[in-house]
C-alpha atoms as a PDB file:
ATOM      1  CA  MET A   1     -48.206 -14.895 -16.900  1.00  0.00           C
ATOM      2  CA  GLY A   2     -49.148 -18.353 -16.997  1.00  0.00           C
ATOM      3  CA  GLY A   3     -48.308 -20.026 -20.247  1.00  0.00           C
ATOM      4  CA  TYR A   4     -48.655 -20.095 -23.933  1.00  0.00           C
ATOM      5  CA  ILE A   5     -51.341 -21.201 -26.607  1.00  0.00           C
ATOM      6  CA  GLU A   6     -51.737 -20.924 -30.054  1.00  0.00           C
ATOM      7  CA  LEU A   7     -54.658 -19.815 -32.148  1.00  0.00           C
ATOM      8  CA  PHE A   8     -55.047 -21.673 -35.449  1.00  0.00           C
ATOM      9  CA  LYS A   9     -57.587 -22.985 -38.038  1.00  0.00           C
ATOM     10  CA  GLU A  10     -57.828 -25.979 -40.262  1.00  0.00           C
ATOM     11  CA  ASP A  11     -58.769 -26.388 -43.779  1.00  0.00           C
ATOM     12  CA  ASP A  12     -60.588 -29.475 -45.013  1.00  0.00           C
ATOM     13  CA  GLN A  13     -57.603 -31.513 -45.194  1.00  0.00           C
ATOM     14  CA  LYS A  14     -57.146 -30.778 -41.413  1.00  0.00           C
ATOM     15  CA  LYS A  15     -53.732 -29.107 -42.177  1.00  0.00           C
ATOM     16  CA  ARG A  16     -53.034 -26.436 -39.652  1.00  0.00           C
ATOM     17  CA  LYS A  17     -52.681 -22.758 -40.322  1.00  0.00           C
ATOM     18  CA  SER A  18     -51.157 -20.763 -37.373  1.00  0.00           C
ATOM     19  CA  TYR A  19     -52.174 -17.639 -36.222  1.00  0.00           C
ATOM     20  CA  GLY A  20     -49.824 -16.880 -33.853  1.00  0.00           C
ATOM     21  CA  ILE A  21     -48.722 -17.646 -30.011  1.00  0.00           C
ATOM     22  CA  TYR A  22     -49.948 -15.911 -27.559  1.00  0.00           C
ATOM     23  CA  GLY A  23     -49.339 -15.554 -23.625  1.00  0.00           C
ATOM     24  CA  LEU A  24     -52.515 -16.629 -21.361  1.00  0.00           C
ATOM     25  CA  THR A  25     -53.064 -14.883 -18.116  1.00  0.00           C
ATOM     26  CA  CYS A  26     -56.256 -13.693 -16.015  1.00  0.00           C
ATOM     27  CA  TRP A  27     -58.214 -10.607 -17.203  1.00  0.00           C
ATOM     28  CA  HIS A  28     -57.841  -9.246 -13.711  1.00  0.00           C
ATOM     29  CA  VAL A  29     -54.099  -9.779 -13.880  1.00  0.00           C
ATOM     30  CA  VAL A  30     -53.967  -6.959 -16.716  1.00  0.00           C
ATOM     31  CA  GLU A  31     -57.115  -4.925 -16.387  1.00  0.00           C
ATOM     32  CA  ASP A  32     -55.338  -2.277 -14.203  1.00  0.00           C
ATOM     33  CA  VAL A  33     -53.056  -1.330 -17.167  1.00  0.00           C
ATOM     34  CA  ILE A  34     -56.246  -0.072 -18.730  1.00  0.00           C
ATOM     35  CA  PRO A  35     -56.865   3.676 -18.374  1.00  0.00           C
ATOM     36  CA  ASP A  36     -59.574   3.514 -15.288  1.00  0.00           C
ATOM     37  CA  GLY A  37     -63.037   4.776 -15.838  1.00  0.00           C
ATOM     38  CA  GLU A  38     -65.549   4.274 -18.237  1.00  0.00           C
ATOM     39  CA  VAL A  39     -62.845   2.633 -20.930  1.00  0.00           C
ATOM     40  CA  ARG A  40     -62.266  -0.008 -18.305  1.00  0.00           C
ATOM     41  CA  LYS A  41     -65.590  -0.357 -17.656  1.00  0.00           C
ATOM     42  CA  ARG A  42     -66.652  -1.119 -20.828  1.00  0.00           C
ATOM     43  CA  TYR A  43     -63.985  -3.808 -21.336  1.00  0.00           C
ATOM     44  CA  ASN A  44     -64.796  -5.548 -18.068  1.00  0.00           C
ATOM     45  CA  ASP A  45     -68.109  -5.631 -18.708  1.00  0.00           C
ATOM     46  CA  ASN A  46     -68.056  -6.563 -22.454  1.00  0.00           C
ATOM     47  CA  GLY A  47     -64.245  -8.142 -22.854  1.00  0.00           C
ATOM     48  CA  MET A  48     -61.884  -7.169 -25.744  1.00  0.00           C
ATOM     49  CA  ASN A  49     -62.264  -8.092 -29.089  1.00  0.00           C
ATOM     50  CA  PRO A  50     -58.820  -9.154 -31.197  1.00  0.00           C
ATOM     51  CA  GLY A  51     -57.256  -6.304 -32.790  1.00  0.00           C
ATOM     52  CA  ASP A  52     -58.917  -3.652 -30.291  1.00  0.00           C
ATOM     53  CA  ALA A  53     -57.133  -0.334 -31.113  1.00  0.00           C
ATOM     54  CA  ASN A  54     -56.859   0.275 -27.203  1.00  0.00           C
ATOM     55  CA  GLY A  55     -55.662  -3.184 -26.591  1.00  0.00           C
ATOM     56  CA  LYS A  56     -52.527  -2.338 -28.742  1.00  0.00           C
ATOM     57  CA  LYS A  57     -51.796   0.720 -26.790  1.00  0.00           C
ATOM     58  CA  VAL A  58     -51.697  -1.278 -23.510  1.00  0.00           C
ATOM     59  CA  GLY A  59     -47.989  -2.323 -23.231  1.00  0.00           C
ATOM     60  CA  LEU A  60     -47.505  -5.118 -20.543  1.00  0.00           C
ATOM     61  CA  LEU A  61     -44.154  -5.692 -18.584  1.00  0.00           C
ATOM     62  CA  CYS A  62     -42.856  -8.939 -17.185  1.00  0.00           C
ATOM     63  CA  PRO A  63     -41.940  -9.002 -14.534  1.00  0.00           C
ATOM     64  CA  GLY A  64     -44.072  -6.230 -13.723  1.00  0.00           C
ATOM     65  CA  LYS A  65     -43.229  -2.988 -12.561  1.00  0.00           C
ATOM     66  CA  ASN A  66     -44.066  -3.471  -8.839  1.00  0.00           C
ATOM     67  CA  GLU A  67     -42.600  -6.937  -8.798  1.00  0.00           C
ATOM     68  CA  HIS A  68     -39.732  -5.570 -10.486  1.00  0.00           C
ATOM     69  CA  LEU A  69     -39.120  -2.644  -7.895  1.00  0.00           C
ATOM     70  CA  SER A  70     -39.976  -5.228  -4.838  1.00  0.00           C
ATOM     71  CA  TYR A  71     -37.173  -7.269  -6.058  1.00  0.00           C
ATOM     72  CA  LEU A  72     -34.835  -4.323  -5.782  1.00  0.00           C
ATOM     73  CA  LYS A  73     -35.904  -3.422  -2.374  1.00  0.00           C
ATOM     74  CA  GLN A  74     -35.267  -6.925  -1.410  1.00  0.00           C
ATOM     75  CA  ILE A  75     -31.633  -6.628  -2.475  1.00  0.00           C
ATOM     76  CA  ASP A  76     -31.111  -3.352  -0.818  1.00  0.00           C
ATOM     77  CA  TYR A  77     -32.386  -4.736   2.439  1.00  0.00           C
ATOM     78  CA  ALA A  78     -30.116  -8.007   2.008  1.00  0.00           C
ATOM     79  CA  ILE A  79     -27.174  -5.511   1.517  1.00  0.00           C
ATOM     80  CA  GLU A  80     -28.066  -3.492   4.551  1.00  0.00           C
ATOM     81  CA  ARG A  81     -28.417  -6.330   6.952  1.00  0.00           C
ATOM     82  CA  ARG A  82     -25.172  -7.874   6.107  1.00  0.00           C
ATOM     83  CA  ARG A  83     -23.330  -4.659   6.759  1.00  0.00           C
ATOM     84  CA  ASN A  84     -21.489  -5.707   9.792  1.00  0.00           C
ATOM     85  CA  THR A  85     -20.955  -8.951   8.943  1.00  0.00           C
ATOM     86  CA  PRO A  86     -17.123 -10.287   8.497  1.00  0.00           C
ATOM     87  CA  LYS A  87     -17.780 -10.603   4.536  1.00  0.00           C
ATOM     88  CA  ALA A  88     -20.068  -7.415   3.997  1.00  0.00           C
ATOM     89  CA  SER A  89     -17.750  -5.773   1.562  1.00  0.00           C
ATOM     90  CA  GLU A  90     -17.947  -9.118  -0.447  1.00  0.00           C
ATOM     91  CA  THR A  91     -21.172  -9.451  -0.217  1.00  0.00           C
ATOM     92  CA  ALA A  92     -22.351  -6.055  -1.025  1.00  0.00           C
ATOM     93  CA  ILE A  93     -20.240  -6.210  -4.362  1.00  0.00           C
ATOM     94  CA  ARG A  94     -22.045  -9.556  -5.103  1.00  0.00           C
ATOM     95  CA  LEU A  95     -25.319  -8.138  -4.436  1.00  0.00           C
ATOM     96  CA  THR A  96     -24.747  -4.646  -6.277  1.00  0.00           C
ATOM     97  CA  LEU A  97     -23.788  -6.754  -9.364  1.00  0.00           C
ATOM     98  CA  GLU A  98     -26.864  -8.638  -8.922  1.00  0.00           C
ATOM     99  CA  LYS A  99     -29.025  -5.425  -8.932  1.00  0.00           C
ATOM    100  CA  ASP A 100     -27.410  -4.110 -11.631  1.00  0.00           C
ATOM    101  CA  ALA A 101     -27.784  -6.987 -13.959  1.00  0.00           C
ATOM    102  CA  SER A 102     -31.692  -7.170 -12.888  1.00  0.00           C
ATOM    103  CA  LEU A 103     -31.872  -3.495 -13.869  1.00  0.00           C
ATOM    104  CA  GLN A 104     -30.216  -3.800 -17.258  1.00  0.00           C
ATOM    105  CA  ALA A 105     -32.342  -7.036 -18.020  1.00  0.00           C
ATOM    106  CA  TRP A 106     -35.453  -5.059 -17.108  1.00  0.00           C
ATOM    107  CA  ASP A 107     -34.598  -1.954 -19.063  1.00  0.00           C
ATOM    108  CA  GLU A 108     -33.793  -4.017 -22.321  1.00  0.00           C
ATOM    109  CA  HIS A 109     -36.249  -6.698 -21.884  1.00  0.00           C
ATOM    110  CA  GLY A 110     -38.778  -5.695 -19.523  1.00  0.00           C
ATOM    111  CA  LYS A 111     -41.569  -5.468 -22.237  1.00  0.00           C
ATOM    112  CA  LEU A 112     -43.451  -8.309 -22.779  1.00  0.00           C
ATOM    113  CA  GLY A 113     -45.938  -7.171 -25.630  1.00  0.00           C
ATOM    114  CA  HIS A 114     -49.586  -5.877 -25.407  1.00  0.00           C
ATOM    115  CA  LEU A 115     -53.056  -7.000 -24.769  1.00  0.00           C
ATOM    116  CA  PHE A 116     -54.661  -8.868 -27.581  1.00  0.00           C
ATOM    117  CA  CYS A 117     -58.069  -9.900 -26.138  1.00  0.00           C
ATOM    118  CA  GLY A 118     -59.689 -10.910 -23.285  1.00  0.00           C
ATOM    119  CA  SER A 119     -62.741 -11.931 -21.464  1.00  0.00           C
ATOM    120  CA  GLY A 120     -63.576  -9.056 -18.931  1.00  0.00           C
ATOM    121  CA  HIS A 121     -65.420 -10.140 -15.996  1.00  0.00           C
ATOM    122  CA  LYS A 122     -67.769 -12.657 -17.264  1.00  0.00           C
ATOM    123  CA  ARG A 123     -69.840 -16.121 -16.331  1.00  0.00           C
ATOM    124  CA  ASN A 124     -70.946 -18.605 -18.615  1.00  0.00           C
ATOM    125  CA  GLY A 125     -74.303 -20.213 -18.914  1.00  0.00           C
ATOM    126  CA  GLU A 126     -73.247 -22.611 -15.915  1.00  0.00           C
ATOM    127  CA  SER A 127     -72.202 -19.486 -13.724  1.00  0.00           C
ATOM    128  CA  HIS A 128     -68.921 -20.504 -14.173  1.00  0.00           C
ATOM    129  CA  ARG A 129     -66.336 -17.541 -14.035  1.00  0.00           C
ATOM    130  CA  LEU A 130     -64.366 -16.541 -17.365  1.00  0.00           C
ATOM    131  CA  ASP A 131     -61.338 -14.782 -16.352  1.00  0.00           C
ATOM    132  CA  TRP A 132     -58.854 -14.730 -19.238  1.00  0.00           C
ATOM    133  CA  ALA A 133     -56.703 -12.531 -21.446  1.00  0.00           C
ATOM    134  CA  LEU A 134     -54.206 -13.118 -24.174  1.00  0.00           C
ATOM    135  CA  ILE A 135     -51.234 -11.430 -24.731  1.00  0.00           C
ATOM    136  CA  LYS A 136     -49.411 -10.493 -28.127  1.00  0.00           C
ATOM    137  CA  VAL A 137     -46.058 -11.185 -27.006  1.00  0.00           C
ATOM    138  CA  ASP A 138     -42.972  -9.817 -28.595  1.00  0.00           C
ATOM    139  CA  GLN A 139     -41.186 -12.064 -30.831  1.00  0.00           C
ATOM    140  CA  GLU A 140     -38.151 -12.054 -28.648  1.00  0.00           C
ATOM    141  CA  ARG A 141     -40.038 -12.782 -25.366  1.00  0.00           C
ATOM    142  CA  ILE A 142     -41.903 -16.038 -26.558  1.00  0.00           C
ATOM    143  CA  GLY A 143     -41.444 -18.644 -24.250  1.00  0.00           C
ATOM    144  CA  THR A 144     -42.516 -22.261 -23.916  1.00  0.00           C
ATOM    145  CA  ASN A 145     -44.653 -24.400 -21.569  1.00  0.00           C
ATOM    146  CA  LYS A 146     -41.604 -25.865 -20.033  1.00  0.00           C
ATOM    147  CA  LEU A 147     -42.244 -27.977 -16.835  1.00  0.00           C
ATOM    148  CA  PRO A 148     -39.985 -28.129 -13.667  1.00  0.00           C
ATOM    149  CA  SER A 149     -37.643 -31.303 -13.709  1.00  0.00           C
ATOM    150  CA  ARG A 150     -38.582 -34.356 -11.653  1.00  0.00           C
ATOM    151  CA  GLU A 151     -36.088 -33.280  -9.130  1.00  0.00           C
ATOM    152  CA  THR A 152     -38.117 -30.307  -8.318  1.00  0.00           C
ATOM    153  CA  TRP A 153     -41.197 -32.217  -7.199  1.00  0.00           C
ATOM    154  CA  ASP A 154     -38.933 -34.955  -5.232  1.00  0.00           C
ATOM    155  CA  ASN A 155     -37.696 -32.177  -3.336  1.00  0.00           C
ATOM    156  CA  LEU A 156     -40.979 -30.860  -2.073  1.00  0.00           C
ATOM    157  CA  PRO A 157     -41.178 -31.334   1.575  1.00  0.00           C
ATOM    158  CA  CYS A 158     -44.592 -32.478   1.338  1.00  0.00           C
ATOM    159  CA  ASN A 159     -44.066 -34.974  -1.494  1.00  0.00           C
ATOM    160  CA  SER A 160     -43.304 -38.122   0.821  1.00  0.00           C
ATOM    161  CA  ARG A 161     -45.202 -40.621  -1.823  1.00  0.00           C
ATOM    162  CA  MET A 162     -43.319 -38.821  -4.657  1.00  0.00           C
ATOM    163  CA  ILE A 163     -45.793 -37.706  -6.730  1.00  0.00           C
ATOM    164  CA  VAL A 164     -44.665 -36.450 -10.110  1.00  0.00           C
ATOM    165  CA  PRO A 165     -46.170 -36.180 -13.313  1.00  0.00           C
ATOM    166  CA  ILE A 166     -45.609 -38.844 -16.165  1.00  0.00           C
ATOM    167  CA  HIS A 167     -44.108 -36.509 -18.914  1.00  0.00           C
ATOM    168  CA  LEU A 168     -41.429 -34.170 -17.311  1.00  0.00           C
ATOM    169  CA  ASP A 169     -40.391 -31.646 -20.235  1.00  0.00           C
ATOM    170  CA  LYS A 170     -43.913 -29.961 -21.394  1.00  0.00           C
ATOM    171  CA  LEU A 171     -47.582 -29.702 -21.433  1.00  0.00           C
ATOM    172  CA  THR A 172     -48.834 -32.409 -23.545  1.00  0.00           C
ATOM    173  CA  LYS A 173     -52.368 -31.417 -24.523  1.00  0.00           C
ATOM    174  CA  ILE A 174     -55.376 -29.463 -23.486  1.00  0.00           C
ATOM    175  CA  GLY A 175     -57.272 -32.018 -21.421  1.00  0.00           C
ATOM    176  CA  ASN A 176     -60.371 -32.322 -19.355  1.00  0.00           C
ATOM    177  CA  ARG A 177     -60.467 -31.954 -15.463  1.00  0.00           C
ATOM    178  CA  SER A 178     -63.231 -34.049 -14.871  1.00  0.00           C
ATOM    179  CA  GLN A 179     -60.958 -36.683 -16.578  1.00  0.00           C
ATOM    180  CA  SER A 180     -57.800 -36.167 -14.862  1.00  0.00           C
ATOM    181  CA  SER A 181     -56.057 -37.534 -11.898  1.00  0.00           C
ATOM    182  CA  GLU A 182     -56.597 -36.676  -8.309  1.00  0.00           C
ATOM    183  CA  TYR A 183     -53.431 -34.766  -8.053  1.00  0.00           C
ATOM    184  CA  VAL A 184     -52.421 -31.402  -9.929  1.00  0.00           C
ATOM    185  CA  PHE A 185     -49.817 -29.214 -10.209  1.00  0.00           C
ATOM    186  CA  GLN A 186     -49.076 -25.656 -10.772  1.00  0.00           C
ATOM    187  CA  VAL A 187     -45.919 -23.149 -10.803  1.00  0.00           C
ATOM    188  CA  GLY A 188     -46.843 -19.977  -9.654  1.00  0.00           C
ATOM    189  CA  ASN A 189     -45.161 -16.674  -9.595  1.00  0.00           C
ATOM    190  CA  VAL A 190     -45.371 -16.430  -5.573  1.00  0.00           C
ATOM    191  CA  SER A 191     -45.624 -20.237  -4.373  1.00  0.00           C
ATOM    192  CA  LYS A 192     -43.541 -21.681  -7.108  1.00  0.00           C
ATOM    193  CA  ALA A 193     -44.087 -25.498  -7.781  1.00  0.00           C
ATOM    194  CA  SER A 194     -46.559 -27.030  -5.635  1.00  0.00           C
ATOM    195  CA  ILE A 195     -49.159 -30.138  -5.558  1.00  0.00           C
ATOM    196  CA  GLY A 196     -52.739 -29.971  -4.975  1.00  0.00           C
ATOM    197  CA  GLU A 197     -55.563 -32.284  -4.793  1.00  0.00           C
ATOM    198  CA  PHE A 198     -59.144 -31.764  -6.513  1.00  0.00           C
ATOM    199  CA  SER A 199     -61.972 -31.484  -4.336  1.00  0.00           C
ATOM    200  CA  GLU A 200     -65.585 -32.612  -5.388  1.00  0.00           C
ATOM    201  CA  MET A 201     -66.786 -29.339  -3.348  1.00  0.00           C
ATOM    202  CA  ARG A 202     -67.849 -26.783  -5.599  1.00  0.00           C
ATOM    203  CA  SER A 203     -68.402 -23.342  -3.788  1.00  0.00           C
ATOM    204  CA  ASP A 204     -70.404 -19.860  -4.549  1.00  0.00           C
ATOM    205  CA  CYS A 205     -67.798 -16.992  -5.015  1.00  0.00           C
ATOM    206  CA  LEU A 206     -68.127 -13.782  -4.741  1.00  0.00           C
ATOM    207  CA  LEU A 207     -65.225 -11.291  -4.428  1.00  0.00           C
ATOM    208  CA  LYS A 208     -64.644  -7.875  -3.283  1.00  0.00           C
ATOM    209  CA  GLY A 209     -66.435  -5.654  -5.798  1.00  0.00           C
ATOM    210  CA  GLU A 210     -68.565  -8.233  -7.397  1.00  0.00           C
ATOM    211  CA  THR A 211     -72.370  -8.376  -7.440  1.00  0.00           C
ATOM    212  CA  VAL A 212     -72.432 -11.688  -9.243  1.00  0.00           C
ATOM    213  CA  HIS A 213     -71.821 -15.158  -7.911  1.00  0.00           C
ATOM    214  CA  SER A 214     -70.103 -17.656  -9.635  1.00  0.00           C
ATOM    215  CA  ILE A 215     -69.572 -21.647  -9.126  1.00  0.00           C
ATOM    216  CA  GLU A 216     -66.127 -22.369  -8.629  1.00  0.00           C
ATOM    217  CA  TYR A 217     -63.893 -25.738  -8.520  1.00  0.00           C
ATOM    218  CA  CYS A 218     -61.857 -26.040  -5.313  1.00  0.00           C
ATOM    219  CA  PHE A 219     -58.378 -27.315  -4.807  1.00  0.00           C
ATOM    220  CA  THR A 220     -56.301 -27.848  -1.832  1.00  0.00           C
ATOM    221  CA  GLY A 221     -52.711 -27.979  -1.281  1.00  0.00           C
ATOM    222  CA  ARG A 222     -50.920 -31.145  -0.388  1.00  0.00           C
ATOM    223  CA  GLY A 223     -48.650 -30.332   2.833  1.00  0.00           C
ATOM    224  CA  GLY A 224     -49.404 -26.643   2.264  1.00  0.00           C
ATOM    225  CA  LEU A 225     -51.010 -24.082   0.045  1.00  0.00           C
ATOM    226  CA  PHE A 226     -51.769 -24.938  -3.660  1.00  0.00           C
ATOM    227  CA  ALA A 227     -51.560 -21.490  -4.603  1.00  0.00           C
ATOM    228  CA  GLN A 228     -51.266 -18.164  -3.031  1.00  0.00           C
ATOM    229  CA  GLU A 229     -52.204 -14.436  -3.878  1.00  0.00           C
ATOM    230  CA  GLY A 230     -50.120 -13.492  -6.637  1.00  0.00           C
ATOM    231  CA  ASP A 231     -50.248 -16.640  -8.459  1.00  0.00           C
ATOM    232  CA  SER A 232     -53.418 -15.903 -10.562  1.00  0.00           C
ATOM    233  CA  GLY A 233     -52.776 -16.928 -14.056  1.00  0.00           C
ATOM    234  CA  ALA A 234     -50.789 -20.115 -13.108  1.00  0.00           C
ATOM    235  CA  LEU A 235     -51.568 -22.961 -15.444  1.00  0.00           C
ATOM    236  CA  VAL A 236     -52.745 -26.296 -13.787  1.00  0.00           C
ATOM    237  CA  TYR A 237     -52.178 -29.674 -15.029  1.00  0.00           C
ATOM    238  CA  ASP A 238     -52.215 -33.423 -14.125  1.00  0.00           C
ATOM    239  CA  MET A 239     -50.315 -36.340 -13.673  1.00  0.00           C
ATOM    240  CA  THR A 240     -50.194 -36.884 -17.683  1.00  0.00           C
ATOM    241  CA  CYS A 241     -49.117 -33.140 -18.036  1.00  0.00           C
ATOM    242  CA  SER A 242     -52.498 -32.198 -19.594  1.00  0.00           C
ATOM    243  CA  LEU A 243     -53.573 -28.488 -18.968  1.00  0.00           C
ATOM    244  CA  VAL A 244     -56.733 -28.820 -17.167  1.00  0.00           C
ATOM    245  CA  GLY A 245     -57.094 -25.383 -15.813  1.00  0.00           C
ATOM    246  CA  MET A 246     -55.832 -21.866 -14.554  1.00  0.00           C
ATOM    247  CA  VAL A 247     -55.537 -20.255 -11.195  1.00  0.00           C
ATOM    248  CA  PHE A 248     -57.813 -17.361 -10.600  1.00  0.00           C
ATOM    249  CA  LEU A 249     -57.653 -16.935  -6.696  1.00  0.00           C
ATOM    250  CA  GLY A 250     -54.899 -18.189  -4.538  1.00  0.00           C
ATOM    251  CA  ASN A 251     -55.136 -18.794  -1.108  1.00  0.00           C
ATOM    252  CA  SER A 252     -56.718 -15.521   0.655  1.00  0.00           C
ATOM    253  CA  MET A 253     -56.724 -14.469   4.524  1.00  0.00           C
ATOM    254  CA  PHE A 254     -60.156 -13.150   3.702  1.00  0.00           C
ATOM    255  CA  TYR A 255     -61.911 -15.496   1.813  1.00  0.00           C
ATOM    256  CA  ASN A 256     -62.076 -19.330   2.359  1.00  0.00           C
ATOM    257  CA  PRO A 257     -58.506 -19.756   3.654  1.00  0.00           C
ATOM    258  CA  GLY A 258     -56.800 -22.741   2.473  1.00  0.00           C
ATOM    259  CA  VAL A 259     -58.708 -23.081  -0.993  1.00  0.00           C
ATOM    260  CA  THR A 260     -57.413 -22.308  -4.173  1.00  0.00           C
ATOM    261  CA  TYR A 261     -59.998 -21.606  -7.134  1.00  0.00           C
ATOM    262  CA  VAL A 262     -59.254 -22.914 -10.505  1.00  0.00           C
ATOM    263  CA  MET A 263     -61.132 -22.422 -13.854  1.00  0.00           C
ATOM    264  CA  ASP A 264     -61.938 -25.132 -15.918  1.00  0.00           C
ATOM    265  CA  ILE A 265     -59.668 -25.163 -19.136  1.00  0.00           C
ATOM    266  CA  LYS A 266     -62.429 -26.448 -21.404  1.00  0.00           C
ATOM    267  CA  HIS A 267     -64.611 -23.345 -20.425  1.00  0.00           C
ATOM    268  CA  LEU A 268     -61.928 -20.887 -21.126  1.00  0.00           C
ATOM    269  CA  VAL A 269     -60.980 -22.581 -24.397  1.00  0.00           C
ATOM    270  CA  LYS A 270     -64.601 -22.557 -25.497  1.00  0.00           C
ATOM    271  CA  ASP A 271     -64.509 -18.707 -24.776  1.00  0.00           C
ATOM    272  CA  ILE A 272     -61.544 -17.885 -26.402  1.00  0.00           C
ATOM    273  CA  GLU A 273     -62.393 -19.908 -29.471  1.00  0.00           C
ATOM    274  CA  GLU A 274     -65.804 -18.042 -29.823  1.00  0.00           C
ATOM    275  CA  ARG A 275     -63.839 -14.467 -29.293  1.00  0.00           C
ATOM    276  CA  THR A 276     -61.073 -15.024 -31.424  1.00  0.00           C
ATOM    277  CA  GLY A 277     -63.003 -17.418 -34.053  1.00  0.00           C
ATOM    278  CA  CYS A 278     -59.919 -19.605 -34.156  1.00  0.00           C
ATOM    279  CA  LYS A 279     -59.223 -22.996 -32.462  1.00  0.00           C
ATOM    280  CA  VAL A 280     -57.021 -22.969 -29.488  1.00  0.00           C
ATOM    281  CA  GLY A 281     -54.295 -25.693 -29.038  1.00  0.00           C
ATOM    282  CA  LEU A 282     -50.745 -25.772 -27.575  1.00  0.00           C
ATOM    283  CA  PRO A 283     -47.691 -24.654 -29.421  1.00  0.00           C
ATOM    284  CA  GLN A 284     -46.445 -27.584 -31.509  1.00  0.00           C
END
């Protein structure tokens, strides 16, 4: 999941009434938890409206089950690899405790919430992709849009020019990609913190299984990849910590290697507001 937004309405005095904080990610990240067949096809074609009865049945986990199991396998592999080392017993005890703690945390707090609404597989009038989903997050799992510290960016091998956001604690506002700085930042599930550069190039994009092209903004990494497969849903922000987009496709070996495709936040916000009937903002 990329981050959090707030749905709200304003009265005549601009007084803000909140309708809740929701997790924001890509539709294609969560669609697999919808039962396959005609039900999923209907939502992929038409999207899902707020309060949909089937959405409430779609429980979401974070980290996901596959990601969780992969992490446990990594621990088992690390134990096995160190079996014949001088401190094998000590290492095995430490890693086993880490594994047990991960199992307990996932069993007790793995459930994130349920699917609230989403775009399905959609394009807007300008052929830009709309690929978003809102998650009704359980109260105890609601987080913040906290950003990495300056030290994180300073320590990146590619960051010899010390490119860091001006504000360091959280996202400041929903911005406009066309008015943003040259450099952008994201913290992906796979690639973690990375710096990218916006390209004026836009590309026709047709992914596996699709029949309709979309026109997408391209971003390249600074000194490496900006995003990788598995980073979909990561929020992208500029030097002023304004939210400007969301990753929907990281670097792929099979599609335009080295390029990350980012959806413009203004298109996503417009579509979310139309579907929910609320305004979209960052949690206050």
